[in-house]
Amino acid sequence: MANDISTLRDHLFGVIEQLKDKDKPMDIARAKAVSDVAQVIINSAKVEVEMAKATGAKVSGFLTGPGTPGVTTHRLPG
């Protein structure tokens, strides 16, 4: 499994689904922990984007590269 923005989205939507499960919902503390870790990953991706801007890179490693089926590639201007 790739560790990229698509994987993060999949995990976060999975947490939402588990929270909505009426028979066996995810523990709120566990969901909060997942949310906290996701925020750290998002913040690190923001740093990657800023680094890519500063160095002239076109795509951040966390933002899946071109040619990945079903994935939107985010490109920095320039």
Protein backbone atom coordinates (compact mmCIF):
# COMPACT_ATOMS: atom_id res chain seq x y z
CA MET A 1 0.00 0.00 0.00
CA ALA A 2 1.32 3.43 -0.96
CA ASN A 3 1.56 6.10 1.68
CA ASP A 4 0.10 9.00 -0.24
CA ILE A 5 -2.84 11.39 -0.13
CA SER A 6 -5.20 8.81 -1.64
CA THR A 7 -4.36 6.27 1.04
CA LEU A 8 -4.86 8.88 3.75
CA ARG A 9 -8.27 9.77 2.33
CA ASP A 10 -9.23 6.09 2.22
CA HIS A 11 -8.29 5.63 5.87
CA LEU A 12 -10.11 8.76 7.00
CA PHE A 13 -13.28 7.83 5.14
CA GLY A 14 -12.98 4.37 6.68
CA VAL A 15 -12.90 5.97 10.13
CA ILE A 16 -16.04 7.94 9.28
CA GLU A 17 -17.77 4.73 8.21
CA GLN A 18 -16.72 3.01 11.44
CA LEU A 19 -17.98 5.92 13.52
CA LYS A 20 -21.36 5.64 11.76
CA ASP A 21 -21.64 1.88 12.42
CA LYS A 22 -24.62 1.58 14.76
CA ASP A 23 -23.80 -1.98 15.83
CA LYS A 24 -20.11 -1.52 16.62
CA PRO A 25 -18.98 2.11 16.30
CA MET A 26 -15.32 3.03 16.57
CA ASP A 27 -14.27 4.33 19.96
CA ILE A 28 -14.20 8.14 19.96
CA ALA A 29 -10.72 8.25 21.51
CA ARG A 30 -9.38 6.02 18.75
CA ALA A 31 -11.02 8.16 16.07
CA LYS A 32 -9.48 11.25 17.68
CA ALA A 33 -6.05 9.60 17.62
CA VAL A 34 -6.46 8.80 13.91
CA SER A 35 -7.55 12.39 13.28
CA ASP A 36 -4.54 13.77 15.16
CA VAL A 37 -2.10 11.60 13.21
CA ALA A 38 -3.80 12.53 9.93
CA GLN A 39 -3.38 16.21 10.78
CA VAL A 40 0.34 15.70 11.36
CA ILE A 41 0.61 13.96 7.96
CA ILE A 42 -1.31 16.79 6.30
CA ASN A 43 0.93 19.38 7.94
CA SER A 44 4.03 17.53 6.72
CA ALA A 45 2.53 17.43 3.20
CA LYS A 46 2.10 21.21 3.38
CA VAL A 47 5.82 21.47 4.17
CA GLU A 48 6.55 19.21 1.17
CA VAL A 49 4.52 21.50 -1.07
CA GLU A 50 6.36 24.55 0.22
CA MET A 51 9.69 22.77 -0.36
CA ALA A 52 8.61 21.84 -3.88
CA LYS A 53 7.72 25.47 -4.53
CA ALA A 54 11.08 26.63 -3.19
CA THR A 55 13.08 24.12 -5.25
CA GLY A 56 11.00 24.29 -8.41
CA ALA A 57 9.79 20.69 -8.20
CA LYS A 58 6.53 20.04 -10.05
CA VAL A 59 4.97 17.39 -7.78
CA SER A 60 5.35 16.57 -4.11
CA GLY A 61 6.04 12.90 -3.28
CA PHE A 62 2.99 12.71 -1.02
CA LEU A 63 0.75 14.01 -3.77
CA THR A 64 0.61 11.02 -6.08
CA GLY A 65 2.53 11.39 -9.30
CA PRO A 66 1.20 11.53 -12.85
CA GLY A 67 -0.23 8.46 -14.53
CA THR A 68 -1.78 6.86 -11.45
CA PRO A 69 -5.22 5.59 -12.51
CA GLY A 70 -8.11 7.15 -10.64
CA VAL A 71 -5.89 9.67 -8.87
CA THR A 72 -5.84 13.42 -9.38
CA THR A 73 -2.34 14.79 -9.66
CA HIS A 74 -1.84 18.14 -7.96
CA ARG A 75 0.75 20.29 -9.68
CA LEU A 76 2.34 23.42 -8.39
CA PRO A 77 2.24 26.45 -10.66
CA GLY A 78 5.40 27.40 -12.48
